[in-house]
């Protein structure tokens, strides 16, 4: 497993990265951290994947219910 702490330090000084913070319910946060640990990825990488999926889903044109 790569050293996650070295990557975090490098990203903090990289102008192509920014820090995002927010509060989530404890259950969601614990499940997310556990899932990242099981996948052997950093929290940051997990957040990038989650945000990419969320953005992909939410950038689709809105379709009204029942529209064909």
PDB file of N, CA and C in Angstrom:
ATOM      1  N   UNK A   1       0.852  -1.192   0.000  1.00  0.00           N
ATOM      2  CA  UNK A   1       0.000   0.000   0.000  1.00  0.00           C
ATOM      3  C   UNK A   1       0.892   1.248   0.000  1.00  0.00           C
ATOM      4  N   UNK A   2       0.572   2.209  -0.830  1.00  0.00           N
ATOM      5  CA  UNK A   2       1.379   3.414  -0.896  1.00  0.00           C
ATOM      6  C   UNK A   2       1.215   4.235   0.380  1.00  0.00           C
ATOM      7  N   UNK A   3       2.178   5.088   0.645  1.00  0.00           N
ATOM      8  CA  UNK A   3       2.122   5.918   1.839  1.00  0.00           C
ATOM      9  C   UNK A   3       1.145   7.068   1.625  1.00  0.00           C
ATOM     10  N   UNK A   4      -0.026   6.941   2.204  1.00  0.00           N
ATOM     11  CA  UNK A   4      -1.100   7.924   2.039  1.00  0.00           C
ATOM     12  C   UNK A   4      -0.696   9.284   2.601  1.00  0.00           C
ATOM     13  N   UNK A   5       0.066   9.295   3.705  1.00  0.00           N
ATOM     14  CA  UNK A   5       0.423  10.549   4.352  1.00  0.00           C
ATOM     15  C   UNK A   5       1.343  11.403   3.477  1.00  0.00           C
ATOM     16  N   UNK A   6       2.226  10.772   2.710  1.00  0.00           N
ATOM     17  CA  UNK A   6       3.084  11.536   1.807  1.00  0.00           C
ATOM     18  C   UNK A   6       2.258  12.171   0.691  1.00  0.00           C
ATOM     19  N   UNK A   7       1.263  11.439   0.190  1.00  0.00           N
ATOM     20  CA  UNK A   7       0.403  11.982  -0.863  1.00  0.00           C
ATOM     21  C   UNK A   7      -0.400  13.172  -0.368  1.00  0.00           C
ATOM     22  N   UNK A   8      -0.898  13.099   0.860  1.00  0.00           N
ATOM     23  CA  UNK A   8      -1.690  14.198   1.427  1.00  0.00           C
ATOM     24  C   UNK A   8      -0.827  15.447   1.524  1.00  0.00           C
ATOM     25  N   UNK A   9       0.390  15.312   2.025  1.00  0.00           N
ATOM     26  CA  UNK A   9       1.285  16.459   2.158  1.00  0.00           C
ATOM     27  C   UNK A   9       1.595  17.056   0.792  1.00  0.00           C
ATOM     28  N   UNK A  10       1.831  16.206  -0.197  1.00  0.00           N
ATOM     29  CA  UNK A  10       2.139  16.696  -1.536  1.00  0.00           C
ATOM     30  C   UNK A  10       0.938  17.413  -2.144  1.00  0.00           C
ATOM     31  N   UNK A  11      -0.246  16.903  -1.929  1.00  0.00           N
ATOM     32  CA  UNK A  11      -1.452  17.517  -2.497  1.00  0.00           C
ATOM     33  C   UNK A  11      -1.741  18.863  -1.852  1.00  0.00           C
ATOM     34  N   UNK A  12      -1.429  19.001  -0.583  1.00  0.00           N
ATOM     35  CA  UNK A  12      -1.695  20.289   0.090  1.00  0.00           C
ATOM     36  C   UNK A  12      -0.915  21.428  -0.538  1.00  0.00           C
ATOM     37  N   UNK A  13       0.256  21.113  -1.075  1.00  0.00           N
ATOM     38  CA  UNK A  13       1.096  22.148  -1.696  1.00  0.00           C
ATOM     39  C   UNK A  13       0.894  22.236  -3.199  1.00  0.00           C
ATOM     40  N   UNK A  14       0.037  21.418  -3.749  1.00  0.00           N
ATOM     41  CA  UNK A  14      -0.199  21.383  -5.191  1.00  0.00           C
ATOM     42  C   UNK A  14      -1.330  22.350  -5.537  1.00  0.00           C
ATOM     43  N   UNK A  15      -1.084  23.323  -6.417  1.00  0.00           N
ATOM     44  CA  UNK A  15      -2.124  24.300  -6.750  1.00  0.00           C
ATOM     45  C   UNK A  15      -3.303  23.693  -7.518  1.00  0.00           C
ATOM     46  N   UNK A  16      -3.159  22.450  -7.998  1.00  0.00           N
ATOM     47  CA  UNK A  16      -4.255  21.791  -8.710  1.00  0.00           C
ATOM     48  C   UNK A  16      -5.236  21.107  -7.760  1.00  0.00           C
ATOM     49  N   UNK A  17      -4.997  21.205  -6.463  1.00  0.00           N
ATOM     50  CA  UNK A  17      -5.880  20.590  -5.475  1.00  0.00           C
ATOM     51  C   UNK A  17      -6.440  21.659  -4.551  1.00  0.00           C
ATOM     52  N   UNK A  18      -7.605  21.377  -3.992  1.00  0.00           N
ATOM     53  CA  UNK A  18      -8.194  22.254  -2.989  1.00  0.00           C
ATOM     54  C   UNK A  18      -8.808  21.387  -1.895  1.00  0.00           C
ATOM     55  N   UNK A  19      -8.965  21.942  -0.721  1.00  0.00           N
ATOM     56  CA  UNK A  19      -9.560  21.207   0.377  1.00  0.00           C
ATOM     57  C   UNK A  19     -11.043  21.550   0.454  1.00  0.00           C
ATOM     58  N   UNK A  20     -11.864  20.501   0.607  1.00  0.00           N
ATOM     59  CA  UNK A  20     -13.306  20.677   0.762  1.00  0.00           C
ATOM     60  C   UNK A  20     -13.689  20.055   2.101  1.00  0.00           C
ATOM     61  N   UNK A  21     -14.498  20.768   2.864  1.00  0.00           N
ATOM     62  CA  UNK A  21     -14.943  20.225   4.146  1.00  0.00           C
ATOM     63  C   UNK A  21     -16.455  20.321   4.237  1.00  0.00           C
ATOM     64  N   UNK A  22     -17.018  19.467   5.056  1.00  0.00           N
ATOM     65  CA  UNK A  22     -18.459  19.488   5.282  1.00  0.00           C
ATOM     66  C   UNK A  22     -18.815  18.503   6.381  1.00  0.00           C
ATOM     67  N   UNK A  23     -19.963  18.680   6.951  1.00  0.00           N
ATOM     68  CA  UNK A  23     -20.432  17.796   8.015  1.00  0.00           C
ATOM     69  C   UNK A  23     -21.426  16.796   7.447  1.00  0.00           C
ATOM     70  N   UNK A  24     -21.220  15.533   7.793  1.00  0.00           N
ATOM     71  CA  UNK A  24     -22.138  14.473   7.394  1.00  0.00           C
ATOM     72  C   UNK A  24     -22.533  13.689   8.638  1.00  0.00           C
ATOM     73  N   UNK A  25     -23.628  12.958   8.546  1.00  0.00           N
ATOM     74  CA  UNK A  25     -24.050  12.144   9.677  1.00  0.00           C
ATOM     75  C   UNK A  25     -22.952  11.138  10.011  1.00  0.00           C
ATOM     76  N   UNK A  26     -22.789  10.882  11.289  1.00  0.00           N
ATOM     77  CA  UNK A  26     -21.709  10.019  11.766  1.00  0.00           C
ATOM     78  C   UNK A  26     -21.732   8.649  11.095  1.00  0.00           C
ATOM     79  N   UNK A  27     -22.912   8.060  10.945  1.00  0.00           N
ATOM     80  CA  UNK A  27     -23.025   6.743  10.334  1.00  0.00           C
ATOM     81  C   UNK A  27     -22.465   6.741   8.908  1.00  0.00           C
ATOM     82  N   UNK A  28     -22.781   7.770   8.151  1.00  0.00           N
ATOM     83  CA  UNK A  28     -22.295   7.865   6.773  1.00  0.00           C
ATOM     84  C   UNK A  28     -20.772   8.024   6.765  1.00  0.00           C
ATOM     85  N   UNK A  29     -20.267   8.882   7.628  1.00  0.00           N
ATOM     86  CA  UNK A  29     -18.830   9.110   7.700  1.00  0.00           C
ATOM     87  C   UNK A  29     -18.060   7.851   8.075  1.00  0.00           C
ATOM     88  N   UNK A  30     -18.566   7.119   9.052  1.00  0.00           N
ATOM     89  CA  UNK A  30     -17.894   5.885   9.472  1.00  0.00           C
ATOM     90  C   UNK A  30     -17.922   4.833   8.368  1.00  0.00           C
ATOM     91  N   UNK A  31     -19.075   4.704   7.694  1.00  0.00           N
ATOM     92  CA  UNK A  31     -19.172   3.737   6.601  1.00  0.00           C
ATOM     93  C   UNK A  31     -18.246   4.113   5.454  1.00  0.00           C
ATOM     94  N   UNK A  32     -18.150   5.412   5.163  1.00  0.00           N
ATOM     95  CA  UNK A  32     -17.285   5.878   4.087  1.00  0.00           C
ATOM     96  C   UNK A  32     -15.817   5.602   4.412  1.00  0.00           C
ATOM     97  N   UNK A  33     -15.401   5.935   5.631  1.00  0.00           N
ATOM     98  CA  UNK A  33     -14.020   5.692   6.031  1.00  0.00           C
ATOM     99  C   UNK A  33     -13.695   4.204   5.986  1.00  0.00           C
ATOM    100  N   UNK A  34     -14.630   3.374   6.438  1.00  0.00           N
ATOM    101  CA  UNK A  34     -14.413   1.924   6.422  1.00  0.00           C
ATOM    102  C   UNK A  34     -14.293   1.416   4.983  1.00  0.00           C
ATOM    103  N   UNK A  35     -15.145   1.918   4.092  1.00  0.00           N
ATOM    104  CA  UNK A  35     -15.102   1.493   2.693  1.00  0.00           C
ATOM    105  C   UNK A  35     -13.767   1.896   2.050  1.00  0.00           C
ATOM    106  N   UNK A  36     -13.283   3.094   2.346  1.00  0.00           N
ATOM    107  CA  UNK A  36     -11.986   3.526   1.811  1.00  0.00           C
ATOM    108  C   UNK A  36     -10.866   2.639   2.341  1.00  0.00           C
ATOM    109  N   UNK A  37     -10.928   2.313   3.608  1.00  0.00           N
ATOM    110  CA  UNK A  37      -9.913   1.446   4.201  1.00  0.00           C
ATOM    111  C   UNK A  37      -9.926   0.075   3.543  1.00  0.00           C
ATOM    112  N   UNK A  38     -11.109  -0.488   3.341  1.00  0.00           N
ATOM    113  CA  UNK A  38     -11.210  -1.802   2.703  1.00  0.00           C
ATOM    114  C   UNK A  38     -10.685  -1.779   1.270  1.00  0.00           C
ATOM    115  N   UNK A  39     -10.864  -0.665   0.576  1.00  0.00           N
ATOM    116  CA  UNK A  39     -10.367  -0.537  -0.802  1.00  0.00           C
ATOM    117  C   UNK A  39      -8.901  -0.125  -0.839  1.00  0.00           C
ATOM    118  N   UNK A  40      -8.343   0.165   0.343  1.00  0.00           N
ATOM    119  CA  UNK A  40      -6.953   0.620   0.480  1.00  0.00           C
ATOM    120  C   UNK A  40      -6.695   1.893  -0.318  1.00  0.00           C
ATOM    121  N   UNK A  41      -7.643   2.840  -0.186  1.00  0.00           N
ATOM    122  CA  UNK A  41      -7.474   4.152  -0.805  1.00  0.00           C
ATOM    123  C   UNK A  41      -7.599   5.218   0.286  1.00  0.00           C
ATOM    124  N   UNK A  42      -7.080   6.394   0.002  1.00  0.00           N
ATOM    125  CA  UNK A  42      -7.176   7.493   0.967  1.00  0.00           C
ATOM    126  C   UNK A  42      -8.602   8.048   0.988  1.00  0.00           C
ATOM    127  N   UNK A  43      -8.905   8.766   2.039  1.00  0.00           N
ATOM    128  CA  UNK A  43     -10.204   9.436   2.130  1.00  0.00           C
ATOM    129  C   UNK A  43     -10.344  10.415   0.954  1.00  0.00           C
ATOM    130  N   UNK A  44      -9.275  11.111   0.618  1.00  0.00           N
ATOM    131  CA  UNK A  44      -9.305  12.054  -0.492  1.00  0.00           C
ATOM    132  C   UNK A  44      -9.644  11.379  -1.812  1.00  0.00           C
ATOM    133  N   UNK A  45      -9.022  10.216  -2.065  1.00  0.00           N
ATOM    134  CA  UNK A  45      -9.312   9.487  -3.295  1.00  0.00           C
ATOM    135  C   UNK A  45     -10.768   9.021  -3.297  1.00  0.00           C
ATOM    136  N   UNK A  46     -11.238   8.546  -2.166  1.00  0.00           N
ATOM    137  CA  UNK A  46     -12.635   8.130  -2.066  1.00  0.00           C
ATOM    138  C   UNK A  46     -13.585   9.293  -2.311  1.00  0.00           C
ATOM    139  N   UNK A  47     -13.240  10.458  -1.766  1.00  0.00           N
ATOM    140  CA  UNK A  47     -14.067  11.647  -1.980  1.00  0.00           C
ATOM    141  C   UNK A  47     -14.066  12.056  -3.450  1.00  0.00           C
ATOM    142  N   UNK A  48     -12.903  11.992  -4.101  1.00  0.00           N
ATOM    143  CA  UNK A  48     -12.847  12.330  -5.524  1.00  0.00           C
ATOM    144  C   UNK A  48     -13.756  11.402  -6.327  1.00  0.00           C
ATOM    145  N   UNK A  49     -13.703  10.100  -6.026  1.00  0.00           N
ATOM    146  CA  UNK A  49     -14.548   9.142  -6.743  1.00  0.00           C
ATOM    147  C   UNK A  49     -16.026   9.417  -6.482  1.00  0.00           C
ATOM    148  N   UNK A  50     -16.369   9.692  -5.227  1.00  0.00           N
ATOM    149  CA  UNK A  50     -17.766   9.954  -4.871  1.00  0.00           C
ATOM    150  C   UNK A  50     -18.262  11.248  -5.531  1.00  0.00           C
ATOM    151  N   UNK A  51     -17.433  12.275  -5.509  1.00  0.00           N
ATOM    152  CA  UNK A  51     -17.825  13.548  -6.118  1.00  0.00           C
ATOM    153  C   UNK A  51     -17.960  13.426  -7.630  1.00  0.00           C
ATOM    154  N   UNK A  52     -17.049  12.703  -8.270  1.00  0.00           N
ATOM    155  CA  UNK A  52     -17.145  12.494  -9.720  1.00  0.00           C
ATOM    156  C   UNK A  52     -18.459  11.798 -10.070  1.00  0.00           C
ATOM    157  N   UNK A  53     -18.806  10.753  -9.311  1.00  0.00           N
ATOM    158  CA  UNK A  53     -20.055  10.026  -9.565  1.00  0.00           C
ATOM    159  C   UNK A  53     -21.260  10.939  -9.341  1.00  0.00           C
ATOM    160  N   UNK A  54     -21.224  11.729  -8.276  1.00  0.00           N
ATOM    161  CA  UNK A  54     -22.328  12.639  -7.962  1.00  0.00           C
ATOM    162  C   UNK A  54     -22.471  13.691  -9.063  1.00  0.00           C
ATOM    163  N   UNK A  55     -21.346  14.273  -9.474  1.00  0.00           N
ATOM    164  CA  UNK A  55     -21.399  15.289 -10.530  1.00  0.00           C
ATOM    165  C   UNK A  55     -21.900  14.703 -11.840  1.00  0.00           C
ATOM    166  N   UNK A  56     -21.429  13.518 -12.177  1.00  0.00           N
ATOM    167  CA  UNK A  56     -21.875  12.854 -13.403  1.00  0.00           C
ATOM    168  C   UNK A  56     -23.392  12.686 -13.390  1.00  0.00           C
ATOM    169  N   UNK A  57     -23.925  12.227 -12.281  1.00  0.00           N
ATOM    170  CA  UNK A  57     -25.360  11.993 -12.164  1.00  0.00           C
ATOM    171  C   UNK A  57     -26.143  13.311 -12.198  1.00  0.00           C
ATOM    172  N   UNK A  58     -25.616  14.332 -11.581  1.00  0.00           N
ATOM    173  CA  UNK A  58     -26.349  15.590 -11.456  1.00  0.00           C
ATOM    174  C   UNK A  58     -26.128  16.552 -12.611  1.00  0.00           C
ATOM    175  N   UNK A  59     -25.261  16.227 -13.543  1.00  0.00           N
ATOM    176  CA  UNK A  59     -25.073  17.076 -14.709  1.00  0.00           C
ATOM    177  C   UNK A  59     -25.879  16.583 -15.900  1.00  0.00           C
ATOM    178  N   UNK A  60     -26.578  15.466 -15.721  1.00  0.00           N
ATOM    179  CA  UNK A  60     -27.457  14.979 -16.779  1.00  0.00           C
ATOM    180  C   UNK A  60     -28.648  15.918 -16.889  1.00  0.00           C
ATOM    181  N   UNK A  61     -29.184  16.084 -18.092  1.00  0.00           N
ATOM    182  CA  UNK A  61     -30.379  16.941 -18.227  1.00  0.00           C
ATOM    183  C   UNK A  61     -31.519  16.413 -17.356  1.00  0.00           C
ATOM    184  N   UNK A  62     -32.212  17.313 -16.719  1.00  0.00           N
ATOM    185  CA  UNK A  62     -33.349  16.913 -15.887  1.00  0.00           C
ATOM    186  C   UNK A  62     -34.469  16.378 -16.755  1.00  0.00           C
ATOM    187  N   UNK A  63     -34.982  15.220 -16.385  1.00  0.00           N
ATOM    188  CA  UNK A  63     -36.130  14.647 -17.103  1.00  0.00           C
ATOM    189  C   UNK A  63     -37.302  14.622 -16.139  1.00  0.00           C
ATOM    190  N   UNK A  64     -38.414  15.124 -16.596  1.00  0.00           N
ATOM    191  CA  UNK A  64     -39.603  15.117 -15.768  1.00  0.00           C
ATOM    192  C   UNK A  64     -40.156  13.711 -15.667  1.00  0.00           C
ATOM    193  N   UNK A  65     -40.726  13.403 -14.499  1.00  0.00           N
ATOM    194  CA  UNK A  65     -41.342  12.084 -14.311  1.00  0.00           C
ATOM    195  C   UNK A  65     -42.420  11.857 -15.357  1.00  0.00           C
ATOM    196  N   UNK A  66     -42.420  10.657 -15.916  1.00  0.00           N
ATOM    197  CA  UNK A  66     -43.421  10.297 -16.882  1.00  0.00           C
ATOM    198  C   UNK A  66     -43.109  10.734 -18.298  1.00  0.00           C
ATOM    199  N   UNK A  67     -42.010  11.526 -18.466  1.00  0.00           N
ATOM    200  CA  UNK A  67     -41.636  11.955 -19.819  1.00  0.00           C
ATOM    201  C   UNK A  67     -41.050  10.798 -20.587  1.00  0.00           C
ATOM    202  N   UNK A  68     -41.336  10.753 -21.868  1.00  0.00           N
ATOM    203  CA  UNK A  68     -40.838   9.673 -22.725  1.00  0.00           C
ATOM    204  C   UNK A  68     -39.655  10.140 -23.521  1.00  0.00           C
TER     205      UNK A  68
END
